[in-house]
Amino acid sequence: MFVKTGDKVKVIAGKEKGKEGTVIKVDRKNNRVVVKGLNMIKKHEKPSQTNANGGVVETEGSIHASNVMLVDPESGKPTRIGHEVVDGKKVRIAKVSGKAIDKK
């Protein structure tokens, strides 16, 4: 998958279109990502040891990976991703700026 945990992404489709956030979790099996502060859902929870009172809890829902686009760290614009081998390691390359995204 082109997105990793900690990447800054922009939502390009759906009710959260145009908003940006950081990826918290990546589900490779279902091709979905969870973005901090976006796609908030309300979940009803019973009282338990971890949540003594129970009630309605608001959490982030997942978004399909095709509906998000990585933000280029240099220009701040959404970009597609390419791959190159640099010094024997495969790194992600931003198509907008041509710079490596992965930290060295």
Protein backbone atom coordinates (compact mmCIF):
# COMPACT_ATOMS: atom_id res chain seq x y z
CA MET A 1 0.00 0.00 0.00
CA PHE A 2 1.21 3.52 -0.77
CA VAL A 3 0.22 4.94 2.64
CA LYS A 4 2.01 4.28 5.93
CA THR A 5 1.19 5.16 9.53
CA GLY A 6 2.18 8.77 10.28
CA ASP A 7 1.76 10.03 6.70
CA LYS A 8 -0.14 13.24 6.06
CA VAL A 9 -3.01 12.63 3.62
CA LYS A 10 -5.79 14.60 1.96
CA VAL A 11 -9.26 13.10 1.44
CA ILE A 12 -10.25 13.33 -2.25
CA ALA A 13 -13.72 11.73 -2.13
CA GLY A 14 -16.63 11.28 0.26
CA LYS A 15 -18.20 13.44 2.95
CA GLU A 16 -14.80 14.53 4.31
CA LYS A 17 -13.54 15.65 0.86
CA GLY A 18 -10.84 18.35 0.99
CA LYS A 19 -9.81 17.76 4.60
CA GLU A 20 -6.30 16.75 5.69
CA GLY A 21 -5.09 14.60 8.55
CA THR A 22 -2.49 12.11 9.74
CA VAL A 23 -2.86 8.36 9.24
CA ILE A 24 -3.29 6.56 12.59
CA LYS A 25 -3.84 3.00 11.37
CA VAL A 26 -3.52 1.08 8.10
CA ASP A 27 -5.61 -2.04 7.36
CA ARG A 28 -3.81 -3.72 4.44
CA LYS A 29 -6.24 -6.66 4.27
CA ASN A 30 -9.29 -4.46 3.61
CA ASN A 31 -7.34 -1.63 1.91
CA ARG A 32 -8.55 0.98 4.43
CA VAL A 33 -6.93 3.71 6.54
CA VAL A 34 -7.95 5.55 9.71
CA VAL A 35 -7.20 9.29 9.64
CA LYS A 36 -6.97 11.29 12.87
CA GLY A 37 -9.98 13.57 13.39
CA LEU A 38 -11.81 12.55 10.18
CA ASN A 39 -14.85 10.34 9.48
CA MET A 40 -16.00 10.48 13.11
CA ILE A 41 -18.56 7.84 14.09
CA LYS A 42 -20.60 7.40 17.27
CA LYS A 43 -20.33 4.03 18.98
CA HIS A 44 -22.58 2.91 21.84
CA GLU A 45 -20.65 1.07 24.55
CA LYS A 46 -21.81 -0.92 27.54
CA PRO A 47 -20.24 -0.24 30.94
CA SER A 48 -17.08 -2.32 31.42
CA GLN A 49 -13.87 -2.31 33.45
CA THR A 50 -12.15 0.04 31.00
CA ASN A 51 -15.19 2.29 30.47
CA ALA A 52 -17.03 2.42 33.81
CA ASN A 53 -19.98 4.55 32.68
CA GLY A 54 -20.48 3.33 29.14
CA GLY A 55 -22.46 5.61 26.84
CA VAL A 56 -21.84 7.07 23.40
CA VAL A 57 -18.18 7.29 22.37
CA GLU A 58 -16.99 9.17 19.29
CA THR A 59 -14.11 7.56 17.34
CA GLU A 60 -12.53 7.76 13.90
CA GLY A 61 -13.95 5.45 11.25
CA SER A 62 -11.94 3.96 8.41
CA ILE A 63 -11.74 5.40 4.90
CA HIS A 64 -10.96 3.39 1.78
CA ALA A 65 -7.35 3.96 0.68
CA SER A 66 -8.44 4.99 -2.83
CA ASN A 67 -10.22 8.00 -1.32
CA VAL A 68 -7.08 9.51 0.20
CA MET A 69 -4.00 11.00 -1.44
CA LEU A 70 -0.59 11.51 0.13
CA VAL A 71 0.45 15.13 0.69
CA ASP A 72 3.87 16.04 -0.72
CA PRO A 73 6.06 17.16 2.23
CA GLU A 74 7.87 19.74 0.09
CA SER A 75 5.04 21.48 -1.79
CA GLY A 76 2.06 20.60 0.45
CA LYS A 77 0.02 19.44 -2.56
CA PRO A 78 -1.62 16.01 -2.97
CA THR A 79 0.60 13.72 -5.02
CA ARG A 80 0.77 10.29 -6.58
CA ILE A 81 3.49 7.91 -5.46
CA GLY A 82 6.30 6.23 -7.39
CA HIS A 83 8.98 3.82 -6.19
CA GLU A 84 12.73 3.86 -6.76
CA VAL A 85 15.65 1.90 -5.39
CA VAL A 86 18.10 4.25 -3.67
CA ASP A 87 21.23 2.83 -1.99
CA GLY A 88 19.73 -0.68 -2.11
CA LYS A 89 16.48 0.38 -0.40
CA LYS A 90 13.09 0.82 -2.03
CA VAL A 91 11.77 4.32 -1.27
CA ARG A 92 8.57 6.17 -2.14
CA ILE A 93 8.95 9.14 -4.51
CA ALA A 94 6.45 12.03 -4.76
CA LYS A 95 5.45 12.59 -8.39
CA VAL A 96 4.83 16.33 -7.82
CA SER A 97 8.28 17.24 -6.50
CA GLY A 98 10.29 14.14 -7.39
CA LYS A 99 11.69 13.96 -3.83
CA ALA A 100 11.84 10.90 -1.57
CA ILE A 101 9.07 10.70 1.03
CA ASP A 102 10.52 7.99 3.28
CA LYS A 103 12.84 9.11 6.03
CA LYS A 104 16.40 7.91 5.77
